[in-house]
Amino acid sequence: MNIGLERPIGLEAGHTYHIRLVVDDTIGMLHVDGVALNVRMYERPGESLGVFATDGTVEVRNASIARGLKRK
């Protein structure tokens, strides 16, 4: 298994997942219920964000997009 760009996540129908995506210049960090994937992005094809499901459906609730991080 190539674990460089893959992280197995067993998804269950009807379960609510908490997803956070943070992009800082060329670094992307995706967290799904405690499973993390970090990547380098040297070419950015745009600034769009999409969510899709293969062989199923997806519902997005309580979503927000922000530029910059909140300072504590």
N, C-alpha and C. Protein backbone atom coordinates (compact mmCIF):
# COMPACT_ATOMS: atom_id res chain seq x y z
N MET A 1 0.84 -1.19 0.00
CA MET A 1 0.00 0.00 0.00
C MET A 1 0.88 1.24 0.00
N ASN A 2 0.57 2.18 -0.83
CA ASN A 2 1.27 3.46 -0.87
C ASN A 2 0.70 4.35 0.22
N ILE A 3 1.43 4.51 1.31
CA ILE A 3 0.91 5.35 2.39
C ILE A 3 1.37 6.79 2.25
N GLY A 4 2.08 7.10 1.18
CA GLY A 4 2.54 8.47 0.98
C GLY A 4 1.39 9.44 0.75
N LEU A 5 0.43 9.08 -0.09
CA LEU A 5 -0.69 9.98 -0.39
C LEU A 5 -2.03 9.35 -0.07
N GLU A 6 -2.05 8.24 0.63
CA GLU A 6 -3.32 7.57 0.95
C GLU A 6 -3.43 7.36 2.44
N ARG A 7 -4.63 7.59 2.96
CA ARG A 7 -4.93 7.28 4.36
C ARG A 7 -6.28 6.58 4.37
N PRO A 8 -6.31 5.30 4.74
CA PRO A 8 -7.59 4.58 4.74
C PRO A 8 -8.52 5.11 5.83
N ILE A 9 -9.76 5.36 5.45
CA ILE A 9 -10.79 5.80 6.39
C ILE A 9 -12.04 4.99 6.09
N GLY A 10 -12.49 4.22 7.06
CA GLY A 10 -13.74 3.47 6.88
C GLY A 10 -14.92 4.38 7.16
N LEU A 11 -15.70 4.69 6.14
CA LEU A 11 -16.84 5.59 6.29
C LEU A 11 -18.13 4.79 6.43
N GLU A 12 -18.99 5.22 7.33
CA GLU A 12 -20.26 4.55 7.59
C GLU A 12 -21.41 5.46 7.19
N ALA A 13 -22.42 4.89 6.56
CA ALA A 13 -23.61 5.66 6.18
C ALA A 13 -24.31 6.17 7.43
N GLY A 14 -24.75 7.41 7.39
CA GLY A 14 -25.48 8.01 8.50
C GLY A 14 -24.62 8.57 9.61
N HIS A 15 -23.32 8.37 9.55
CA HIS A 15 -22.41 8.88 10.58
C HIS A 15 -22.01 10.31 10.24
N THR A 16 -21.89 11.16 11.24
CA THR A 16 -21.43 12.53 11.04
C THR A 16 -19.92 12.57 11.21
N TYR A 17 -19.22 13.12 10.24
CA TYR A 17 -17.77 13.24 10.29
C TYR A 17 -17.38 14.70 10.43
N HIS A 18 -16.36 14.96 11.22
CA HIS A 18 -15.84 16.31 11.39
C HIS A 18 -14.58 16.43 10.53
N ILE A 19 -14.64 17.35 9.58
CA ILE A 19 -13.56 17.51 8.61
C ILE A 19 -13.00 18.92 8.72
N ARG A 20 -11.68 19.02 8.72
CA ARG A 20 -11.04 20.34 8.73
C ARG A 20 -9.92 20.32 7.69
N LEU A 21 -9.90 21.32 6.85
CA LEU A 21 -8.85 21.48 5.84
C LEU A 21 -8.16 22.81 6.10
N VAL A 22 -6.85 22.77 6.27
CA VAL A 22 -6.06 23.97 6.46
C VAL A 22 -5.03 24.01 5.34
N VAL A 23 -4.97 25.13 4.63
CA VAL A 23 -3.99 25.32 3.57
C VAL A 23 -3.14 26.52 3.95
N ASP A 24 -1.84 26.32 4.01
CA ASP A 24 -0.89 27.39 4.33
C ASP A 24 0.17 27.40 3.24
N ASP A 25 -0.02 28.29 2.28
CA ASP A 25 0.87 28.41 1.13
C ASP A 25 0.93 27.09 0.37
N THR A 26 2.02 26.33 0.47
CA THR A 26 2.13 25.07 -0.28
C THR A 26 1.85 23.83 0.56
N ILE A 27 1.40 24.01 1.80
CA ILE A 27 1.12 22.88 2.68
C ILE A 27 -0.38 22.74 2.88
N GLY A 28 -0.89 21.52 2.68
CA GLY A 28 -2.30 21.23 2.93
C GLY A 28 -2.41 20.19 4.03
N MET A 29 -3.31 20.42 4.99
CA MET A 29 -3.53 19.48 6.10
C MET A 29 -5.02 19.17 6.16
N LEU A 30 -5.37 17.92 5.91
CA LEU A 30 -6.76 17.47 5.95
C LEU A 30 -6.93 16.53 7.13
N HIS A 31 -7.91 16.82 7.99
CA HIS A 31 -8.19 15.99 9.17
C HIS A 31 -9.63 15.51 9.08
N VAL A 32 -9.83 14.19 9.19
CA VAL A 32 -11.17 13.59 9.20
C VAL A 32 -11.25 12.72 10.45
N ASP A 33 -11.97 13.19 11.45
CA ASP A 33 -12.14 12.45 12.71
C ASP A 33 -10.83 11.84 13.22
N GLY A 34 -9.79 12.63 13.28
CA GLY A 34 -8.53 12.17 13.85
C GLY A 34 -7.55 11.54 12.88
N VAL A 35 -7.95 11.31 11.65
CA VAL A 35 -7.04 10.78 10.63
C VAL A 35 -6.54 11.97 9.81
N ALA A 36 -5.23 12.12 9.71
CA ALA A 36 -4.65 13.29 9.06
C ALA A 36 -3.90 12.92 7.79
N LEU A 37 -3.97 13.81 6.82
CA LEU A 37 -3.19 13.70 5.59
C LEU A 37 -2.56 15.06 5.34
N ASN A 38 -1.25 15.11 5.25
CA ASN A 38 -0.52 16.34 4.97
C ASN A 38 0.13 16.21 3.60
N VAL A 39 0.02 17.26 2.81
CA VAL A 39 0.58 17.22 1.46
C VAL A 39 1.26 18.55 1.13
N ARG A 40 2.17 18.49 0.18
CA ARG A 40 2.77 19.68 -0.41
C ARG A 40 2.09 19.92 -1.75
N MET A 41 1.77 21.16 -2.03
CA MET A 41 1.11 21.51 -3.29
C MET A 41 1.95 22.58 -3.98
N TYR A 42 2.67 22.16 -4.99
CA TYR A 42 3.56 23.10 -5.66
C TYR A 42 2.85 23.88 -6.76
N GLU A 43 1.80 23.31 -7.31
CA GLU A 43 1.01 24.02 -8.32
C GLU A 43 -0.43 24.06 -7.84
N ARG A 44 -0.98 25.24 -7.72
CA ARG A 44 -2.38 25.37 -7.30
C ARG A 44 -3.22 25.70 -8.52
N PRO A 45 -4.11 24.79 -8.91
CA PRO A 45 -4.91 25.02 -10.12
C PRO A 45 -6.03 26.04 -9.93
N GLY A 46 -6.26 26.49 -8.73
CA GLY A 46 -7.33 27.46 -8.47
C GLY A 46 -7.58 27.58 -6.99
N GLU A 47 -8.67 28.24 -6.65
CA GLU A 47 -9.02 28.42 -5.24
C GLU A 47 -10.41 27.88 -4.95
N SER A 48 -10.85 26.89 -5.71
CA SER A 48 -12.17 26.29 -5.51
C SER A 48 -12.07 25.11 -4.56
N LEU A 49 -13.19 24.79 -3.92
CA LEU A 49 -13.28 23.65 -3.03
C LEU A 49 -14.51 22.86 -3.41
N GLY A 50 -14.37 21.55 -3.56
CA GLY A 50 -15.50 20.70 -3.93
C GLY A 50 -15.59 19.49 -3.01
N VAL A 51 -16.81 19.01 -2.80
CA VAL A 51 -17.05 17.81 -2.01
C VAL A 51 -17.92 16.89 -2.86
N PHE A 52 -17.52 15.62 -2.98
CA PHE A 52 -18.30 14.69 -3.80
C PHE A 52 -18.25 13.30 -3.20
N ALA A 53 -19.17 12.46 -3.62
CA ALA A 53 -19.22 11.06 -3.19
C ALA A 53 -19.29 10.18 -4.42
N THR A 54 -18.59 9.06 -4.38
CA THR A 54 -18.65 8.07 -5.44
C THR A 54 -19.54 6.93 -4.96
N ASP A 55 -20.51 6.55 -5.76
CA ASP A 55 -21.45 5.47 -5.40
C ASP A 55 -22.19 5.77 -4.09
N GLY A 56 -22.62 7.00 -3.91
CA GLY A 56 -23.35 7.36 -2.69
C GLY A 56 -23.75 8.81 -2.72
N THR A 57 -24.10 9.34 -1.57
CA THR A 57 -24.48 10.74 -1.44
C THR A 57 -23.68 11.37 -0.30
N VAL A 58 -23.61 12.69 -0.33
CA VAL A 58 -22.93 13.43 0.73
C VAL A 58 -23.77 14.65 1.07
N GLU A 59 -23.82 14.97 2.34
CA GLU A 59 -24.52 16.17 2.81
C GLU A 59 -23.53 16.98 3.62
N VAL A 60 -23.41 18.26 3.30
CA VAL A 60 -22.50 19.15 4.01
C VAL A 60 -23.33 20.12 4.84
N ARG A 61 -23.03 20.18 6.13
CA ARG A 61 -23.73 21.10 7.04
C ARG A 61 -22.71 21.87 7.87
N ASN A 62 -23.11 23.05 8.27
CA ASN A 62 -22.29 23.86 9.17
C ASN A 62 -20.88 24.07 8.61
N ALA A 63 -20.80 24.45 7.35
CA ALA A 63 -19.51 24.66 6.69
C ALA A 63 -19.15 26.14 6.72
N SER A 64 -17.87 26.41 6.84
CA SER A 64 -17.39 27.79 6.76
C SER A 64 -16.02 27.80 6.11
N ILE A 65 -15.73 28.90 5.45
CA ILE A 65 -14.43 29.09 4.81
C ILE A 65 -13.88 30.42 5.32
N ALA A 66 -12.63 30.42 5.74
CA ALA A 66 -12.01 31.63 6.27
C ALA A 66 -10.64 31.83 5.64
N ARG A 67 -10.27 33.07 5.50
CA ARG A 67 -8.91 33.39 5.07
C ARG A 67 -8.16 33.87 6.31
N GLY A 68 -7.11 33.17 6.65
CA GLY A 68 -6.35 33.50 7.85
C GLY A 68 -6.86 32.71 9.04
N LEU A 69 -6.02 32.55 10.02
CA LEU A 69 -6.36 31.80 11.23
C LEU A 69 -6.68 32.77 12.36
N LYS A 70 -7.57 32.36 13.24
CA LYS A 70 -7.89 33.17 14.41
C LYS A 70 -6.72 33.14 15.37
N ARG A 71 -6.37 34.27 15.88
CA ARG A 71 -5.29 34.36 16.86
C ARG A 71 -5.88 34.27 18.25
N LYS A 72 -5.23 33.51 19.12
CA LYS A 72 -5.71 33.37 20.51
C LYS A 72 -5.09 34.40 21.40
